């Protein structure tokens, strides 16, 4: 197990210890906005009506009504892959994640953790 796996495991353990639900996004293969939106959608089990754009991402992240109540933490491993491959896409997604986390539902608050690889 390399140090990045240890780091991810430590983050997941810390999330679980505080009683929150971790949702992992493996960013190591995400090279464009569309693949990142798909990965986030899968990690958080977005409903079929997710529109696969930044506005829809923000809307779904603020809702999360299909998930159990309690805090949810999106852990994005290796965000640098998308940041390097598609800086504009990364910037838009990061902004949507941060804005949604700042105004998430009280019954299903959202936190976002970016974990660099290696």
Protein backbone atom coordinates (compact mmCIF):
# COMPACT_ATOMS: atom_id res chain seq x y z
CA UNK A 1 0.00 0.00 0.00
CA UNK A 2 1.49 3.35 -1.01
CA UNK A 3 1.28 6.62 0.94
CA UNK A 4 -1.63 7.95 -1.14
CA UNK A 5 -3.71 4.87 -0.23
CA UNK A 6 -2.81 5.37 3.42
CA UNK A 7 -3.83 9.01 3.17
CA UNK A 8 -7.21 8.15 1.59
CA UNK A 9 -7.81 5.44 4.20
CA UNK A 10 -7.05 7.94 6.96
CA UNK A 11 -9.49 10.47 5.50
CA UNK A 12 -12.22 7.82 5.15
CA UNK A 13 -11.61 6.63 8.71
CA UNK A 14 -11.81 10.20 10.06
CA UNK A 15 -15.08 10.79 8.18
CA UNK A 16 -16.59 7.59 9.57
CA UNK A 17 -15.36 8.36 13.10
CA UNK A 18 -17.36 11.59 13.13
CA UNK A 19 -20.45 9.70 11.98
CA UNK A 20 -20.51 10.99 8.41
CA UNK A 21 -20.92 9.00 5.20
CA UNK A 22 -17.85 9.01 2.89
CA UNK A 23 -18.33 9.02 -0.89
CA UNK A 24 -15.15 8.42 -2.90
CA UNK A 25 -14.35 9.83 -6.32
CA UNK A 26 -11.26 8.25 -7.87
CA UNK A 27 -9.91 11.12 -9.94
CA UNK A 28 -6.89 9.30 -11.30
CA UNK A 29 -8.57 8.72 -14.69
CA UNK A 30 -10.70 11.88 -14.90
CA UNK A 31 -9.44 13.93 -17.82
CA UNK A 32 -12.50 16.01 -18.73
CA UNK A 33 -15.52 17.66 -17.16
CA UNK A 34 -17.96 15.00 -18.44
CA UNK A 35 -16.07 12.11 -16.84
CA UNK A 36 -15.75 14.02 -13.57
CA UNK A 37 -19.48 14.77 -13.50
CA UNK A 38 -20.18 11.07 -14.13
CA UNK A 39 -17.82 10.06 -11.31
CA UNK A 40 -19.37 12.47 -8.81
CA UNK A 41 -22.85 11.36 -9.88
CA UNK A 42 -21.92 7.71 -9.31
CA UNK A 43 -20.22 8.39 -5.96
CA UNK A 44 -23.32 10.14 -4.61
CA UNK A 45 -25.86 7.90 -6.39
CA UNK A 46 -27.46 10.84 -8.19
CA UNK A 47 -30.96 10.20 -9.52
CA UNK A 48 -31.52 9.48 -13.22
CA UNK A 49 -32.74 13.04 -13.83
CA UNK A 50 -29.24 14.48 -13.18
CA UNK A 51 -28.61 16.75 -16.17
CA UNK A 52 -24.81 16.28 -16.34
CA UNK A 53 -23.94 19.98 -16.28
CA UNK A 54 -22.67 22.37 -13.60
CA UNK A 55 -26.10 23.77 -12.71
CA UNK A 56 -27.51 20.25 -12.30
CA UNK A 57 -24.45 19.27 -10.23
CA UNK A 58 -25.03 22.18 -7.89
CA UNK A 59 -28.76 21.43 -7.61
CA UNK A 60 -28.23 17.75 -6.82
CA UNK A 61 -25.48 18.49 -4.30
CA UNK A 62 -27.72 20.90 -2.43
CA UNK A 63 -30.56 18.35 -2.29
CA UNK A 64 -29.22 14.82 -1.59
CA UNK A 65 -32.76 13.80 -0.55
CA UNK A 66 -32.24 10.30 -1.98
CA UNK A 67 -29.46 9.67 0.57
CA UNK A 68 -29.96 8.96 4.27
CA UNK A 69 -30.04 11.92 6.62
CA UNK A 70 -26.76 12.99 8.15
CA UNK A 71 -23.51 14.46 6.90
CA UNK A 72 -22.10 13.29 3.59
CA UNK A 73 -18.47 13.83 2.62
CA UNK A 74 -17.33 13.71 -0.98
CA UNK A 75 -13.67 12.67 -1.02
CA UNK A 76 -12.09 13.45 -4.38
CA UNK A 77 -8.84 11.54 -4.72
CA UNK A 78 -6.30 12.95 -7.19
CA UNK A 79 -8.13 16.10 -8.31
CA UNK A 80 -4.86 17.24 -9.85
CA UNK A 81 -5.44 14.89 -12.79
CA UNK A 82 -8.48 16.89 -13.94
CA UNK A 83 -6.94 20.20 -12.88
CA UNK A 84 -4.02 19.54 -15.27
CA UNK A 85 -5.98 17.91 -18.12
CA UNK A 86 -8.99 20.29 -18.12
CA UNK A 87 -8.34 23.39 -15.99
CA UNK A 88 -11.58 25.09 -17.01
CA UNK A 89 -13.69 22.01 -16.29
CA UNK A 90 -11.93 21.49 -12.97
CA UNK A 91 -12.45 25.10 -11.94
CA UNK A 92 -16.18 24.98 -12.68
CA UNK A 93 -16.71 21.70 -10.85
CA UNK A 94 -14.64 22.80 -7.86
CA UNK A 95 -16.65 26.01 -7.61
CA UNK A 96 -19.96 24.11 -7.81
CA UNK A 97 -18.79 21.67 -5.12
CA UNK A 98 -17.66 24.46 -2.79
CA UNK A 99 -20.80 26.57 -3.34
CA UNK A 100 -23.10 23.59 -2.80
CA UNK A 101 -21.26 22.54 0.36
CA UNK A 102 -21.63 26.08 1.73
CA UNK A 103 -25.39 26.00 1.23
CA UNK A 104 -26.28 22.30 1.61
CA UNK A 105 -29.40 20.99 3.28
CA UNK A 106 -29.45 21.00 7.08
CA UNK A 107 -30.61 17.38 7.22
CA UNK A 108 -27.95 16.23 4.73
CA UNK A 109 -24.96 18.58 4.99
CA UNK A 110 -22.20 18.10 2.47
CA UNK A 111 -18.47 18.47 2.92
CA UNK A 112 -15.86 18.11 0.21
CA UNK A 113 -12.30 16.91 0.73
CA UNK A 114 -9.67 17.06 -2.02
CA UNK A 115 -6.92 14.49 -1.49
CA UNK A 116 -3.84 14.76 -3.69
CA UNK A 117 -2.31 11.53 -4.92
CA UNK A 118 1.24 10.44 -4.15
